[in-house]
Protein backbone atom coordinates (compact mmCIF):
# COMPACT_ATOMS: atom_id res chain seq x y z
CA MET A 1 27.48 -0.87 22.06
CA ASP A 2 23.82 -1.25 21.09
CA ASP A 3 23.15 -4.79 19.82
CA ASN A 4 20.39 -3.41 17.57
CA LEU A 5 22.62 -0.84 15.88
CA GLY A 6 23.29 -3.18 12.98
CA LEU A 7 19.61 -4.00 12.57
CA ARG A 8 18.67 -0.32 12.83
CA ALA A 9 20.90 0.40 9.85
CA LEU A 10 19.80 -2.67 7.88
CA VAL A 11 16.08 -1.88 8.00
CA GLN A 12 16.77 1.43 6.23
CA GLN A 13 18.57 -0.18 3.28
CA PHE A 14 16.60 -0.73 0.07
CA PRO A 15 18.47 -1.79 -3.08
CA ARG A 16 16.46 0.44 -5.42
CA PRO A 17 13.25 2.41 -5.61
CA GLY A 18 10.02 0.70 -6.49
CA ARG A 19 7.56 1.84 -9.14
CA VAL A 20 3.80 2.48 -9.24
CA GLU A 21 2.45 -0.01 -11.79
CA LEU A 22 -1.31 0.47 -11.37
CA ILE A 23 -3.66 2.94 -9.69
CA CYS A 24 -7.07 1.58 -8.75
CA LEU A 25 -10.00 3.67 -7.53
CA ARG A 26 -13.05 2.13 -5.90
CA PRO A 27 -15.76 4.80 -6.22
CA VAL A 28 -18.33 2.67 -4.38
CA ARG A 29 -18.01 -0.45 -2.24
CA ARG A 30 -18.56 -3.73 -4.08
CA VAL A 31 -18.51 -2.04 -7.49
CA THR A 32 -15.86 -2.86 -10.08
CA PRO A 33 -12.80 -0.62 -9.50
CA VAL A 34 -11.48 1.64 -12.23
CA THR A 35 -7.91 2.33 -13.23
CA ALA A 36 -6.37 5.77 -13.51
CA GLU A 37 -3.08 7.10 -14.88
CA SER A 38 -2.91 9.54 -11.97
CA ALA A 39 -4.74 10.30 -8.73
CA MET A 40 -4.77 12.97 -6.06
CA ALA A 41 -3.70 11.66 -2.66
CA LEU A 42 -5.50 13.61 0.08
CA ALA A 43 -3.66 13.94 3.39
CA GLY A 44 -5.51 12.10 6.14
CA ARG A 45 -8.12 10.72 3.71
CA GLY A 46 -6.91 8.54 0.82
CA LEU A 47 -7.23 8.88 -2.95
CA GLU A 48 -9.70 11.34 -4.43
CA GLY A 49 -12.39 9.34 -6.25
CA ASP A 50 -12.05 6.36 -3.90
CA HIS A 51 -14.84 5.61 -1.44
CA THR A 52 -12.46 5.66 1.55
CA ALA A 53 -11.53 9.31 0.88
CA ALA A 54 -15.18 10.28 0.46
CA ARG A 55 -15.90 9.55 4.13
CA ALA A 56 -15.59 12.57 6.37
CA PRO A 57 -12.81 12.00 8.91
CA ARG A 58 -13.91 11.85 12.53
CA PRO A 59 -12.53 14.72 14.60
CA GLY A 60 -9.39 13.69 16.49
CA SER A 61 -9.01 10.37 14.68
CA SER A 62 -7.30 9.16 11.57
CA SER A 63 -8.02 5.94 9.73
CA LYS A 64 -5.07 3.60 9.41
CA ARG A 65 -6.55 2.25 6.17
CA GLN A 66 -6.69 5.30 3.92
CA LEU A 67 -4.86 3.55 1.09
CA THR A 68 -3.99 -0.03 0.23
CA LEU A 69 -0.91 -1.21 -1.65
CA ILE A 70 0.15 -4.60 -2.98
CA GLN A 71 3.40 -5.75 -4.51
CA ALA A 72 3.25 -6.70 -8.17
CA GLU A 73 5.61 -9.59 -7.41
CA HIS A 74 2.99 -11.11 -5.10
CA LEU A 75 0.38 -11.32 -7.86
CA THR A 76 2.19 -14.28 -9.41
CA ALA A 77 2.35 -16.03 -6.03
CA VAL A 78 -1.36 -15.44 -5.38
CA ALA A 79 -2.27 -16.79 -8.84
CA ALA A 80 -0.14 -19.90 -8.28
CA LEU A 81 -1.58 -20.51 -4.81
CA ALA A 82 -5.12 -20.05 -6.12
CA ALA A 83 -4.38 -22.46 -9.01
CA LEU A 84 -5.01 -19.76 -11.62
CA ALA A 85 -2.91 -19.05 -14.69
CA GLN A 86 -3.50 -15.35 -14.04
CA PHE A 87 -6.13 -12.87 -12.86
CA ASP A 88 -6.87 -9.18 -13.12
CA PRO A 89 -5.22 -7.29 -10.22
CA LEU A 90 -8.26 -4.98 -10.10
CA GLN A 91 -10.13 -7.92 -8.55
CA LEU A 92 -8.03 -7.57 -5.38
CA ARG A 93 -9.27 -3.98 -4.91
CA ARG A 94 -5.91 -2.55 -3.74
CA ASN A 95 -5.38 1.13 -4.57
CA LEU A 96 -1.79 0.79 -5.77
CA VAL A 97 0.16 -2.04 -7.33
CA VAL A 98 3.85 -1.39 -6.74
CA SER A 99 6.85 -3.31 -8.09
CA GLY A 100 10.49 -3.46 -7.04
CA ILE A 101 10.25 -2.69 -3.32
CA ASN A 102 9.30 -4.84 -0.33
CA LEU A 103 6.24 -3.07 1.07
CA LEU A 104 6.23 -5.11 4.28
CA ALA A 105 9.74 -3.84 5.02
CA ALA A 106 8.44 -0.26 4.84
CA LYS A 107 6.81 -0.65 8.26
CA SER A 108 9.48 0.31 10.74
CA LEU A 109 10.64 -2.14 13.39
CA PHE A 110 11.59 0.76 15.67
CA LYS A 111 9.11 3.37 16.97
CA ASP A 112 11.87 5.95 17.30
CA ARG A 113 12.92 5.47 13.63
CA PRO A 114 9.67 5.59 11.59
CA LEU A 115 9.88 4.89 7.88
CA VAL A 116 7.73 6.43 5.15
CA LEU A 117 7.06 5.72 1.50
CA ARG A 118 7.66 8.68 -0.81
CA ILE A 119 5.83 8.40 -4.11
CA GLY A 120 7.11 10.72 -6.79
CA SER A 121 8.46 13.93 -5.33
CA VAL A 122 5.53 14.95 -3.11
CA VAL A 123 3.28 12.18 -1.76
CA VAL A 124 4.29 10.63 1.57
CA LEU A 125 2.63 7.55 3.06
CA GLN A 126 3.15 5.73 6.33
CA VAL A 127 2.57 1.98 6.27
CA THR A 128 0.21 1.11 9.13
CA GLY A 129 0.03 -2.66 8.82
CA PRO A 130 -0.81 -5.64 6.66
CA CYS A 131 -3.86 -5.60 4.40
CA GLU A 132 -5.48 -8.86 5.34
CA PRO A 133 -7.73 -10.54 2.78
CA CYS A 134 -11.49 -10.62 3.18
CA SER A 135 -13.99 -13.37 2.41
CA ARG A 136 -14.63 -11.79 -1.02
CA MET A 137 -11.37 -13.38 -2.17
CA GLU A 138 -13.27 -16.69 -2.34
CA GLU A 139 -15.65 -15.07 -4.88
CA VAL A 140 -12.86 -13.42 -6.83
CA LEU A 141 -10.17 -16.10 -6.86
CA GLY A 142 -12.30 -19.21 -6.30
CA ARG A 143 -12.20 -21.81 -3.56
CA GLY A 144 -9.12 -21.25 -1.39
CA GLY A 145 -8.71 -17.66 -2.59
CA TYR A 146 -8.74 -16.33 0.98
CA ASN A 147 -5.80 -18.54 1.97
CA ALA A 148 -3.99 -17.81 -1.31
CA MET A 149 -4.02 -14.13 -0.33
CA ARG A 150 -2.91 -14.60 3.29
CA GLY A 151 0.57 -13.14 3.65
CA HIS A 152 0.36 -11.66 0.15
CA GLY A 153 -2.43 -9.11 0.60
CA GLY A 154 -0.21 -6.06 0.74
CA VAL A 155 -0.27 -3.23 3.27
CA THR A 156 -2.49 -0.44 4.50
CA ALA A 157 -1.22 3.13 4.76
CA GLN A 158 -2.06 6.65 5.85
CA VAL A 159 -1.49 9.64 3.60
CA LEU A 160 0.80 12.02 5.51
CA VAL A 161 1.45 14.44 2.63
CA GLY A 162 -0.94 14.65 -0.28
CA GLY A 163 -0.35 15.42 -3.93
CA VAL A 164 -0.62 13.88 -7.36
CA LEU A 165 0.76 10.39 -7.89
CA ARG A 166 1.13 8.74 -11.28
CA VAL A 167 1.66 5.35 -12.84
CA GLY A 168 5.43 5.12 -13.31
CA ASP A 169 6.32 7.20 -10.25
CA ASP A 170 9.23 6.04 -8.12
CA VAL A 171 8.40 4.63 -4.68
CA ARG A 172 11.16 5.14 -2.12
CA CYS A 173 11.34 4.04 1.50
CA GLU A 174 13.12 6.50 3.77
CA LEU A 175 13.35 7.69 7.36
CA ALA A 176 10.47 9.94 8.36
CA VAL A 177 11.40 13.56 8.91
CA PRO A 178 10.47 14.48 12.50
CA ALA A 179 7.57 16.94 12.78
CA ALA A 180 8.54 20.46 13.73
CA ASP A 181 7.29 21.57 17.16
């Protein structure tokens, strides 16, 4: 019997779907982001209207940081660790704020069992890793802001299947469907 069989089943179990709480577009680097009620996710690029999607993809390569997501539940932790009563989540410059689902758990532990995030009925993302904070967090959150964000910065993702996503859409983690040959 495979000792990992139990773990393989456990990592696919999520108690409920999450929810898109905020969509943030960053038209230009270092400019204040804007919110949107909906956005077009472009396969292999990111969100239309965001500076990351505006870059032409290099032939034969795909950026692992097409989209960034952060858990709404982590915003309270970041505020507490930065000694702030609250702050505007737009300051963190993540594309999506999602509640109700552990985004870090959406990165598969097993290469042969990849997980994806399905947003609404069409958009499919693959979590590619953690979204580490940058030095700008000191400007945004004050002294110690960088360390307040460490471990709470969210995740990066690639857009596998594009489409419209909206505030209020369900976010589900599921096994990836193998590509047809």
